[in-house]
C-alpha cells in the first residue's frame, strides 16, 4: 500500500499541490476535529465510488491509519485505483507532529 507521512501531506498543502483529500472517519469524529478533507465514512465508500478521482493523487486518512488503509486497499483491489495513498498515523499523528 502506498503511503504519505503527515510531513509530506503538510508540504503538499503548503505548496498548493492538487490532490484529493478524503477522511473516512465517522461523522461525529469529523465534527470534533477535521483537517479540511472531504468526509466519506469508510462504510459508505462503495456507494460513493464516483466521488474518488482517477486523475489525481488521493490521500485518505482516518484516526490512526487503519480505516484509511482499508479504504485504500478496497479501492485498489476492487476498482483498480493506483493513485490512493494512506496517511500514516492518521489525524493523531498529524495533530502530534504538525499541530
PDB file of N, CA and C in Angstrom:
ATOM      1  N   UNK A   1       0.836  -1.180   0.000  1.00  0.00           N
ATOM      2  CA  UNK A   1       0.000   0.000   0.000  1.00  0.00           C
ATOM      3  C   UNK A   1       0.884   1.247   0.000  1.00  0.00           C
ATOM      4  N   UNK A   2       0.517   2.201  -0.828  1.00  0.00           N
ATOM      5  CA  UNK A   2       1.251   3.463  -0.881  1.00  0.00           C
ATOM      6  C   UNK A   2       0.854   4.312   0.319  1.00  0.00           C
ATOM      7  N   UNK A   3       1.790   5.124   0.776  1.00  0.00           N
ATOM      8  CA  UNK A   3       1.518   5.948   1.961  1.00  0.00           C
ATOM      9  C   UNK A   3       2.234   7.283   1.844  1.00  0.00           C
ATOM     10  N   UNK A   4       1.711   8.263   2.587  1.00  0.00           N
ATOM     11  CA  UNK A   4       2.382   9.547   2.757  1.00  0.00           C
ATOM     12  C   UNK A   4       2.446   9.827   4.247  1.00  0.00           C
ATOM     13  N   UNK A   5       3.499  10.484   4.652  1.00  0.00           N
ATOM     14  CA  UNK A   5       3.620  10.882   6.052  1.00  0.00           C
ATOM     15  C   UNK A   5       2.865  12.194   6.246  1.00  0.00           C
ATOM     16  N   UNK A   6       2.634  12.553   7.485  1.00  0.00           N
ATOM     17  CA  UNK A   6       1.963  13.822   7.756  1.00  0.00           C
ATOM     18  C   UNK A   6       2.841  14.998   7.312  1.00  0.00           C
ATOM     19  N   UNK A   7       4.158  14.835   7.379  1.00  0.00           N
ATOM     20  CA  UNK A   7       5.058  15.888   6.924  1.00  0.00           C
ATOM     21  C   UNK A   7       4.942  16.070   5.404  1.00  0.00           C
ATOM     22  N   UNK A   8       4.854  14.964   4.680  1.00  0.00           N
ATOM     23  CA  UNK A   8       4.695  15.037   3.223  1.00  0.00           C
ATOM     24  C   UNK A   8       3.355  15.690   2.862  1.00  0.00           C
ATOM     25  N   UNK A   9       2.307  15.330   3.596  1.00  0.00           N
ATOM     26  CA  UNK A   9       0.998  15.937   3.361  1.00  0.00           C
ATOM     27  C   UNK A   9       1.056  17.436   3.586  1.00  0.00           C
ATOM     28  N   UNK A  10       1.642  17.858   4.690  1.00  0.00           N
ATOM     29  CA  UNK A  10       1.737  19.279   5.022  1.00  0.00           C
ATOM     30  C   UNK A  10       2.501  20.038   3.937  1.00  0.00           C
ATOM     31  N   UNK A  11       3.572  19.446   3.445  1.00  0.00           N
ATOM     32  CA  UNK A  11       4.355  20.072   2.381  1.00  0.00           C
ATOM     33  C   UNK A  11       3.502  20.222   1.121  1.00  0.00           C
ATOM     34  N   UNK A  12       2.741  19.186   0.780  1.00  0.00           N
ATOM     35  CA  UNK A  12       1.870  19.254  -0.390  1.00  0.00           C
ATOM     36  C   UNK A  12       0.832  20.362  -0.227  1.00  0.00           C
ATOM     37  N   UNK A  13       0.249  20.450   0.968  1.00  0.00           N
ATOM     38  CA  UNK A  13      -0.734  21.501   1.237  1.00  0.00           C
ATOM     39  C   UNK A  13      -0.095  22.874   1.109  1.00  0.00           C
ATOM     40  N   UNK A  14       1.074  23.051   1.709  1.00  0.00           N
ATOM     41  CA  UNK A  14       1.766  24.339   1.681  1.00  0.00           C
ATOM     42  C   UNK A  14       2.152  24.759   0.259  1.00  0.00           C
ATOM     43  N   UNK A  15       2.468  23.765  -0.573  1.00  0.00           N
ATOM     44  CA  UNK A  15       2.891  24.044  -1.944  1.00  0.00           C
ATOM     45  C   UNK A  15       1.719  24.156  -2.913  1.00  0.00           C
ATOM     46  N   UNK A  16       0.500  23.896  -2.420  1.00  0.00           N
ATOM     47  CA  UNK A  16      -0.683  24.006  -3.264  1.00  0.00           C
ATOM     48  C   UNK A  16      -0.832  22.886  -4.280  1.00  0.00           C
ATOM     49  N   UNK A  17      -0.284  21.719  -3.965  1.00  0.00           N
ATOM     50  CA  UNK A  17      -0.408  20.567  -4.860  1.00  0.00           C
ATOM     51  C   UNK A  17      -1.890  20.196  -4.987  1.00  0.00           C
ATOM     52  N   UNK A  18      -2.310  19.872  -6.213  1.00  0.00           N
ATOM     53  CA  UNK A  18      -3.694  19.497  -6.468  1.00  0.00           C
ATOM     54  C   UNK A  18      -3.863  17.995  -6.212  1.00  0.00           C
ATOM     55  N   UNK A  19      -4.488  17.674  -5.097  1.00  0.00           N
ATOM     56  CA  UNK A  19      -4.761  16.275  -4.752  1.00  0.00           C
ATOM     57  C   UNK A  19      -6.127  16.208  -4.101  1.00  0.00           C
ATOM     58  N   UNK A  20      -6.661  15.002  -4.013  1.00  0.00           N
ATOM     59  CA  UNK A  20      -7.947  14.802  -3.349  1.00  0.00           C
ATOM     60  C   UNK A  20      -7.667  14.289  -1.940  1.00  0.00           C
ATOM     61  N   UNK A  21      -8.306  14.890  -0.952  1.00  0.00           N
ATOM     62  CA  UNK A  21      -8.079  14.564   0.453  1.00  0.00           C
ATOM     63  C   UNK A  21      -9.390  14.038   1.028  1.00  0.00           C
ATOM     64  N   UNK A  22      -9.378  12.778   1.456  1.00  0.00           N
ATOM     65  CA  UNK A  22     -10.582  12.097   1.933  1.00  0.00           C
ATOM     66  C   UNK A  22     -10.399  11.646   3.381  1.00  0.00           C
ATOM     67  N   UNK A  23     -11.417  11.888   4.191  1.00  0.00           N
ATOM     68  CA  UNK A  23     -11.465  11.459   5.595  1.00  0.00           C
ATOM     69  C   UNK A  23     -12.506  10.349   5.685  1.00  0.00           C
ATOM     70  N   UNK A  24     -12.104   9.159   6.134  1.00  0.00           N
ATOM     71  CA  UNK A  24     -13.037   8.025   6.202  1.00  0.00           C
ATOM     72  C   UNK A  24     -13.525   7.728   7.624  1.00  0.00           C
ATOM     73  N   UNK A  25     -13.343   8.705   8.529  1.00  0.00           N
ATOM     74  CA  UNK A  25     -13.864   8.517   9.885  1.00  0.00           C
ATOM     75  C   UNK A  25     -15.378   8.712   9.883  1.00  0.00           C
ATOM     76  N   UNK A  26     -15.973   8.560  11.040  1.00  0.00           N
ATOM     77  CA  UNK A  26     -17.412   8.739  11.180  1.00  0.00           C
ATOM     78  C   UNK A  26     -17.753  10.223  11.353  1.00  0.00           C
ATOM     79  N   UNK A  27     -19.018  10.561  11.128  1.00  0.00           N
ATOM     80  CA  UNK A  27     -19.478  11.948  11.188  1.00  0.00           C
ATOM     81  C   UNK A  27     -19.131  12.609  12.520  1.00  0.00           C
ATOM     82  N   UNK A  28     -19.387  11.913  13.631  1.00  0.00           N
ATOM     83  CA  UNK A  28     -19.118  12.524  14.941  1.00  0.00           C
ATOM     84  C   UNK A  28     -17.633  12.805  15.147  1.00  0.00           C
ATOM     85  N   UNK A  29     -16.751  11.976  14.608  1.00  0.00           N
ATOM     86  CA  UNK A  29     -15.307  12.204  14.715  1.00  0.00           C
ATOM     87  C   UNK A  29     -14.915  13.435  13.888  1.00  0.00           C
ATOM     88  N   UNK A  30     -15.480  13.524  12.708  1.00  0.00           N
ATOM     89  CA  UNK A  30     -15.204  14.639  11.805  1.00  0.00           C
ATOM     90  C   UNK A  30     -15.663  15.956  12.411  1.00  0.00           C
ATOM     91  N   UNK A  31     -16.822  15.927  13.066  1.00  0.00           N
ATOM     92  CA  UNK A  31     -17.354  17.141  13.685  1.00  0.00           C
ATOM     93  C   UNK A  31     -16.489  17.615  14.849  1.00  0.00           C
ATOM     94  N   UNK A  32     -15.832  16.682  15.548  1.00  0.00           N
ATOM     95  CA  UNK A  32     -14.955  17.028  16.672  1.00  0.00           C
ATOM     96  C   UNK A  32     -13.651  17.661  16.199  1.00  0.00           C
ATOM     97  N   UNK A  33     -13.107  17.167  15.093  1.00  0.00           N
ATOM     98  CA  UNK A  33     -11.829  17.650  14.584  1.00  0.00           C
ATOM     99  C   UNK A  33     -11.685  17.183  13.149  1.00  0.00           C
ATOM    100  N   UNK A  34     -11.303  18.094  12.265  1.00  0.00           N
ATOM    101  CA  UNK A  34     -11.053  17.669  10.892  1.00  0.00           C
ATOM    102  C   UNK A  34      -9.928  18.501  10.290  1.00  0.00           C
ATOM    103  N   UNK A  35      -9.371  17.966   9.229  1.00  0.00           N
ATOM    104  CA  UNK A  35      -8.228  18.592   8.567  1.00  0.00           C
ATOM    105  C   UNK A  35      -8.610  19.245   7.248  1.00  0.00           C
ATOM    106  N   UNK A  36      -9.901  19.408   7.022  1.00  0.00           N
ATOM    107  CA  UNK A  36     -10.361  20.017   5.781  1.00  0.00           C
ATOM    108  C   UNK A  36     -10.553  19.043   4.641  1.00  0.00           C
ATOM    109  N   UNK A  37     -10.508  17.769   4.928  1.00  0.00           N
ATOM    110  CA  UNK A  37     -10.736  16.745   3.913  1.00  0.00           C
ATOM    111  C   UNK A  37     -12.239  16.591   3.665  1.00  0.00           C
ATOM    112  N   UNK A  38     -12.585  15.910   2.600  1.00  0.00           N
ATOM    113  CA  UNK A  38     -13.970  15.575   2.310  1.00  0.00           C
ATOM    114  C   UNK A  38     -14.317  14.330   3.114  1.00  0.00           C
ATOM    115  N   UNK A  39     -15.425  14.358   3.821  1.00  0.00           N
ATOM    116  CA  UNK A  39     -15.838  13.226   4.645  1.00  0.00           C
ATOM    117  C   UNK A  39     -16.597  12.201   3.810  1.00  0.00           C
ATOM    118  N   UNK A  40     -16.053  10.986   3.761  1.00  0.00           N
ATOM    119  CA  UNK A  40     -16.732   9.825   3.183  1.00  0.00           C
ATOM    120  C   UNK A  40     -16.466   8.675   4.147  1.00  0.00           C
ATOM    121  N   UNK A  41     -17.352   8.465   5.138  1.00  0.00           N
ATOM    122  CA  UNK A  41     -17.119   7.399   6.118  1.00  0.00           C
ATOM    123  C   UNK A  41     -16.824   6.058   5.446  1.00  0.00           C
ATOM    124  N   UNK A  42     -15.947   5.287   6.057  1.00  0.00           N
ATOM    125  CA  UNK A  42     -15.495   4.020   5.487  1.00  0.00           C
ATOM    126  C   UNK A  42     -16.644   3.144   5.002  1.00  0.00           C
ATOM    127  N   UNK A  43     -17.698   3.024   5.805  1.00  0.00           N
ATOM    128  CA  UNK A  43     -18.830   2.168   5.429  1.00  0.00           C
ATOM    129  C   UNK A  43     -19.594   2.643   4.211  1.00  0.00           C
ATOM    130  N   UNK A  44     -19.361   3.890   3.802  1.00  0.00           N
ATOM    131  CA  UNK A  44     -20.077   4.431   2.642  1.00  0.00           C
ATOM    132  C   UNK A  44     -19.196   4.547   1.396  1.00  0.00           C
ATOM    133  N   UNK A  45     -17.958   4.085   1.485  1.00  0.00           N
ATOM    134  CA  UNK A  45     -17.042   4.179   0.344  1.00  0.00           C
ATOM    135  C   UNK A  45     -17.616   3.489  -0.901  1.00  0.00           C
ATOM    136  N   UNK A  46     -18.136   2.245  -0.807  1.00  0.00           N
ATOM    137  CA  UNK A  46     -18.639   1.594  -2.024  1.00  0.00           C
ATOM    138  C   UNK A  46     -19.749   2.382  -2.725  1.00  0.00           C
ATOM    139  N   UNK A  47     -20.642   2.985  -1.968  1.00  0.00           N
ATOM    140  CA  UNK A  47     -21.741   3.727  -2.592  1.00  0.00           C
ATOM    141  C   UNK A  47     -21.325   5.114  -3.057  1.00  0.00           C
ATOM    142  N   UNK A  48     -20.128   5.531  -2.694  1.00  0.00           N
ATOM    143  CA  UNK A  48     -19.615   6.844  -3.098  1.00  0.00           C
ATOM    144  C   UNK A  48     -18.416   6.735  -4.032  1.00  0.00           C
ATOM    145  N   UNK A  49     -18.287   5.612  -4.711  1.00  0.00           N
ATOM    146  CA  UNK A  49     -17.115   5.376  -5.550  1.00  0.00           C
ATOM    147  C   UNK A  49     -16.931   6.472  -6.602  1.00  0.00           C
ATOM    148  N   UNK A  50     -18.019   7.068  -7.042  1.00  0.00           N
ATOM    149  CA  UNK A  50     -17.931   8.122  -8.046  1.00  0.00           C
ATOM    150  C   UNK A  50     -17.313   9.413  -7.499  1.00  0.00           C
ATOM    151  N   UNK A  51     -17.130   9.493  -6.181  1.00  0.00           N
ATOM    152  CA  UNK A  51     -16.510  10.661  -5.551  1.00  0.00           C
ATOM    153  C   UNK A  51     -14.980  10.612  -5.590  1.00  0.00           C
ATOM    154  N   UNK A  52     -14.426   9.447  -5.956  1.00  0.00           N
ATOM    155  CA  UNK A  52     -12.976   9.264  -5.948  1.00  0.00           C
ATOM    156  C   UNK A  52     -12.396   9.491  -7.339  1.00  0.00           C
ATOM    157  N   UNK A  53     -11.432  10.378  -7.427  1.00  0.00           N
ATOM    158  CA  UNK A  53     -10.810  10.731  -8.695  1.00  0.00           C
ATOM    159  C   UNK A  53      -9.835   9.651  -9.152  1.00  0.00           C
ATOM    160  N   UNK A  54      -9.785   9.446 -10.454  1.00  0.00           N
ATOM    161  CA  UNK A  54      -8.753   8.576 -11.016  1.00  0.00           C
ATOM    162  C   UNK A  54      -7.654   9.421 -11.654  1.00  0.00           C
ATOM    163  N   UNK A  55      -7.870  10.742 -11.661  1.00  0.00           N
ATOM    164  CA  UNK A  55      -6.974  11.645 -12.376  1.00  0.00           C
ATOM    165  C   UNK A  55      -5.929  12.338 -11.516  1.00  0.00           C
ATOM    166  N   UNK A  56      -6.072  12.271 -10.203  1.00  0.00           N
ATOM    167  CA  UNK A  56      -5.075  12.902  -9.340  1.00  0.00           C
ATOM    168  C   UNK A  56      -4.861  12.052  -8.096  1.00  0.00           C
ATOM    169  N   UNK A  57      -3.795  12.356  -7.392  1.00  0.00           N
ATOM    170  CA  UNK A  57      -3.447  11.621  -6.186  1.00  0.00           C
ATOM    171  C   UNK A  57      -4.561  11.770  -5.148  1.00  0.00           C
ATOM    172  N   UNK A  58      -4.920  10.661  -4.523  1.00  0.00           N
ATOM    173  CA  UNK A  58      -5.915  10.660  -3.457  1.00  0.00           C
ATOM    174  C   UNK A  58      -5.205  10.285  -2.163  1.00  0.00           C
ATOM    175  N   UNK A  59      -5.308  11.157  -1.169  1.00  0.00           N
ATOM    176  CA  UNK A  59      -4.760  10.857   0.149  1.00  0.00           C
ATOM    177  C   UNK A  59      -5.939  10.623   1.078  1.00  0.00           C
ATOM    178  N   UNK A  60      -5.941   9.459   1.719  1.00  0.00           N
ATOM    179  CA  UNK A  60      -7.043   9.073   2.592  1.00  0.00           C
ATOM    180  C   UNK A  60      -6.528   8.995   4.019  1.00  0.00           C
ATOM    181  N   UNK A  61      -7.313   9.548   4.952  1.00  0.00           N
ATOM    182  CA  UNK A  61      -6.905   9.478   6.353  1.00  0.00           C
ATOM    183  C   UNK A  61      -8.086   9.102   7.247  1.00  0.00           C
ATOM    184  N   UNK A  62      -7.743   8.686   8.445  1.00  0.00           N
ATOM    185  CA  UNK A  62      -8.722   8.384   9.491  1.00  0.00           C
ATOM    186  C   UNK A  62      -8.096   8.812  10.820  1.00  0.00           C
ATOM    187  N   UNK A  63      -8.436   8.142  11.877  1.00  0.00           N
ATOM    188  CA  UNK A  63      -7.895   8.492  13.193  1.00  0.00           C
ATOM    189  C   UNK A  63      -6.436   8.081  13.335  1.00  0.00           C
ATOM    190  N   UNK A  64      -6.145   6.808  12.968  1.00  0.00           N
ATOM    191  CA  UNK A  64      -4.796   6.292  13.189  1.00  0.00           C
ATOM    192  C   UNK A  64      -4.133   5.692  11.948  1.00  0.00           C
ATOM    193  N   UNK A  65      -4.886   5.521  10.898  1.00  0.00           N
ATOM    194  CA  UNK A  65      -4.337   4.930   9.673  1.00  0.00           C
ATOM    195  C   UNK A  65      -4.906   3.573   9.333  1.00  0.00           C
ATOM    196  N   UNK A  66      -5.636   2.950  10.249  1.00  0.00           N
ATOM    197  CA  UNK A  66      -6.178   1.611   9.998  1.00  0.00           C
ATOM    198  C   UNK A  66      -7.343   1.633   9.010  1.00  0.00           C
ATOM    199  N   UNK A  67      -8.353   2.457   9.279  1.00  0.00           N
ATOM    200  CA  UNK A  67      -9.515   2.514   8.383  1.00  0.00           C
ATOM    201  C   UNK A  67      -9.141   3.084   7.021  1.00  0.00           C
ATOM    202  N   UNK A  68      -8.277   4.070   7.013  1.00  0.00           N
ATOM    203  CA  UNK A  68      -7.860   4.628   5.728  1.00  0.00           C
ATOM    204  C   UNK A  68      -7.076   3.590   4.928  1.00  0.00           C
ATOM    205  N   UNK A  69      -6.321   2.751   5.605  1.00  0.00           N
ATOM    206  CA  UNK A  69      -5.630   1.655   4.936  1.00  0.00           C
ATOM    207  C   UNK A  69      -6.614   0.680   4.309  1.00  0.00           C
ATOM    208  N   UNK A  70      -7.682   0.385   5.024  1.00  0.00           N
ATOM    209  CA  UNK A  70      -8.729  -0.488   4.476  1.00  0.00           C
ATOM    210  C   UNK A  70      -9.353   0.138   3.234  1.00  0.00           C
ATOM    211  N   UNK A  71      -9.625   1.432   3.302  1.00  0.00           N
ATOM    212  CA  UNK A  71     -10.217   2.132   2.155  1.00  0.00           C
ATOM    213  C   UNK A  71      -9.275   2.088   0.950  1.00  0.00           C
ATOM    214  N   UNK A  72      -7.994   2.327   1.177  1.00  0.00           N
ATOM    215  CA  UNK A  72      -7.013   2.288   0.093  1.00  0.00           C
ATOM    216  C   UNK A  72      -6.970   0.912  -0.554  1.00  0.00           C
ATOM    217  N   UNK A  73      -6.929  -0.116   0.262  1.00  0.00           N
ATOM    218  CA  UNK A  73      -6.882  -1.482  -0.262  1.00  0.00           C
ATOM    219  C   UNK A  73      -8.155  -1.813  -1.022  1.00  0.00           C
ATOM    220  N   UNK A  74      -9.307  -1.418  -0.487  1.00  0.00           N
ATOM    221  CA  UNK A  74     -10.586  -1.664  -1.150  1.00  0.00           C
ATOM    222  C   UNK A  74     -10.608  -1.013  -2.539  1.00  0.00           C
ATOM    223  N   UNK A  75     -10.206   0.248  -2.608  1.00  0.00           N
ATOM    224  CA  UNK A  75     -10.216   0.965  -3.881  1.00  0.00           C
ATOM    225  C   UNK A  75      -9.244   0.342  -4.880  1.00  0.00           C
ATOM    226  N   UNK A  76      -8.076  -0.049  -4.406  1.00  0.00           N
ATOM    227  CA  UNK A  76      -7.071  -0.648  -5.284  1.00  0.00           C
ATOM    228  C   UNK A  76      -7.508  -2.031  -5.772  1.00  0.00           C
ATOM    229  N   UNK A  77      -7.984  -2.859  -4.864  1.00  0.00           N
ATOM    230  CA  UNK A  77      -8.320  -4.240  -5.210  1.00  0.00           C
ATOM    231  C   UNK A  77      -9.622  -4.374  -5.988  1.00  0.00           C
ATOM    232  N   UNK A  78     -10.607  -3.549  -5.686  1.00  0.00           N
ATOM    233  CA  UNK A  78     -11.914  -3.708  -6.307  1.00  0.00           C
ATOM    234  C   UNK A  78     -12.180  -2.780  -7.484  1.00  0.00           C
ATOM    235  N   UNK A  79     -11.461  -1.674  -7.558  1.00  0.00           N
ATOM    236  CA  UNK A  79     -11.720  -0.709  -8.603  1.00  0.00           C
ATOM    237  C   UNK A  79     -10.473  -0.282  -9.366  1.00  0.00           C
ATOM    238  N   UNK A  80      -9.339  -0.910  -9.068  1.00  0.00           N
ATOM    239  CA  UNK A  80      -8.115  -0.673  -9.813  1.00  0.00           C
ATOM    240  C   UNK A  80      -7.440   0.673  -9.580  1.00  0.00           C
ATOM    241  N   UNK A  81      -7.775   1.328  -8.485  1.00  0.00           N
ATOM    242  CA  UNK A  81      -7.134   2.614  -8.191  1.00  0.00           C
ATOM    243  C   UNK A  81      -5.654   2.405  -7.884  1.00  0.00           C
ATOM    244  N   UNK A  82      -4.812   3.143  -8.595  1.00  0.00           N
ATOM    245  CA  UNK A  82      -3.368   3.097  -8.355  1.00  0.00           C
ATOM    246  C   UNK A  82      -2.868   4.407  -7.772  1.00  0.00           C
ATOM    247  N   UNK A  83      -3.787   5.342  -7.543  1.00  0.00           N
ATOM    248  CA  UNK A  83      -3.425   6.688  -7.108  1.00  0.00           C
ATOM    249  C   UNK A  83      -3.880   6.979  -5.678  1.00  0.00           C
ATOM    250  N   UNK A  84      -4.083   5.929  -4.872  1.00  0.00           N
ATOM    251  CA  UNK A  84      -4.527   6.134  -3.490  1.00  0.00           C
ATOM    252  C   UNK A  84      -3.372   5.928  -2.516  1.00  0.00           C
ATOM    253  N   UNK A  85      -3.313   6.830  -1.523  1.00  0.00           N
ATOM    254  CA  UNK A  85      -2.246   6.823  -0.530  1.00  0.00           C
ATOM    255  C   UNK A  85      -2.848   6.919   0.861  1.00  0.00           C
ATOM    256  N   UNK A  86      -2.354   6.096   1.756  1.00  0.00           N
ATOM    257  CA  UNK A  86      -2.783   6.129   3.152  1.00  0.00           C
ATOM    258  C   UNK A  86      -1.918   7.143   3.912  1.00  0.00           C
ATOM    259  N   UNK A  87      -2.571   8.026   4.679  1.00  0.00           N
ATOM    260  CA  UNK A  87      -1.810   8.963   5.504  1.00  0.00           C
ATOM    261  C   UNK A  87      -1.383   8.238   6.778  1.00  0.00           C
ATOM    262  N   UNK A  88      -0.114   7.966   6.890  1.00  0.00           N
ATOM    263  CA  UNK A  88       0.449   7.216   8.002  1.00  0.00           C
ATOM    264  C   UNK A  88       0.168   7.890   9.345  1.00  0.00           C
ATOM    265  N   UNK A  89      -0.429   7.144  10.260  1.00  0.00           N
ATOM    266  CA  UNK A  89      -0.673   7.645  11.604  1.00  0.00           C
ATOM    267  C   UNK A  89      -1.954   8.433  11.787  1.00  0.00           C
ATOM    268  N   UNK A  90      -2.623   8.770  10.673  1.00  0.00           N
ATOM    269  CA  UNK A  90      -3.898   9.450  10.746  1.00  0.00           C
ATOM    270  C   UNK A  90      -3.862  10.819  11.406  1.00  0.00           C
ATOM    271  N   UNK A  91      -5.038  11.251  11.838  1.00  0.00           N
ATOM    272  CA  UNK A  91      -5.164  12.584  12.431  1.00  0.00           C
ATOM    273  C   UNK A  91      -4.407  12.669  13.759  1.00  0.00           C
ATOM    274  N   UNK A  92      -4.227  11.529  14.431  1.00  0.00           N
ATOM    275  CA  UNK A  92      -3.452  11.516  15.670  1.00  0.00           C
ATOM    276  C   UNK A  92      -2.024  11.980  15.396  1.00  0.00           C
ATOM    277  N   UNK A  93      -1.406  11.395  14.349  1.00  0.00           N
ATOM    278  CA  UNK A  93      -0.034  11.772  14.003  1.00  0.00           C
ATOM    279  C   UNK A  93       0.018  13.215  13.508  1.00  0.00           C
ATOM    280  N   UNK A  94      -0.983  13.615  12.734  1.00  0.00           N
ATOM    281  CA  UNK A  94      -0.987  14.993  12.235  1.00  0.00           C
ATOM    282  C   UNK A  94      -1.014  15.994  13.370  1.00  0.00           C
ATOM    283  N   UNK A  95      -1.907  15.785  14.313  1.00  0.00           N
ATOM    284  CA  UNK A  95      -2.012  16.721  15.446  1.00  0.00           C
ATOM    285  C   UNK A  95      -0.759  16.699  16.326  1.00  0.00           C
ATOM    286  N   UNK A  96      -0.141  15.523  16.476  1.00  0.00           N
ATOM    287  CA  UNK A  96       1.060  15.411  17.305  1.00  0.00           C
ATOM    288  C   UNK A  96       2.272  16.039  16.646  1.00  0.00           C
ATOM    289  N   UNK A  97       2.383  15.900  15.321  1.00  0.00           N
ATOM    290  CA  UNK A  97       3.591  16.333  14.627  1.00  0.00           C
ATOM    291  C   UNK A  97       3.464  17.684  13.924  1.00  0.00           C
ATOM    292  N   UNK A  98       2.273  18.038  13.482  1.00  0.00           N
ATOM    293  CA  UNK A  98       2.078  19.266  12.728  1.00  0.00           C
ATOM    294  C   UNK A  98       1.340  20.319  13.584  1.00  0.00           C
ATOM    295  N   UNK A  99       0.361  19.859  14.330  1.00  0.00           N
ATOM    296  CA  UNK A  99      -0.386  20.784  15.171  1.00  0.00           C
ATOM    297  C   UNK A  99      -1.864  20.779  14.939  1.00  0.00           C
TER     298      UNK A  99
END
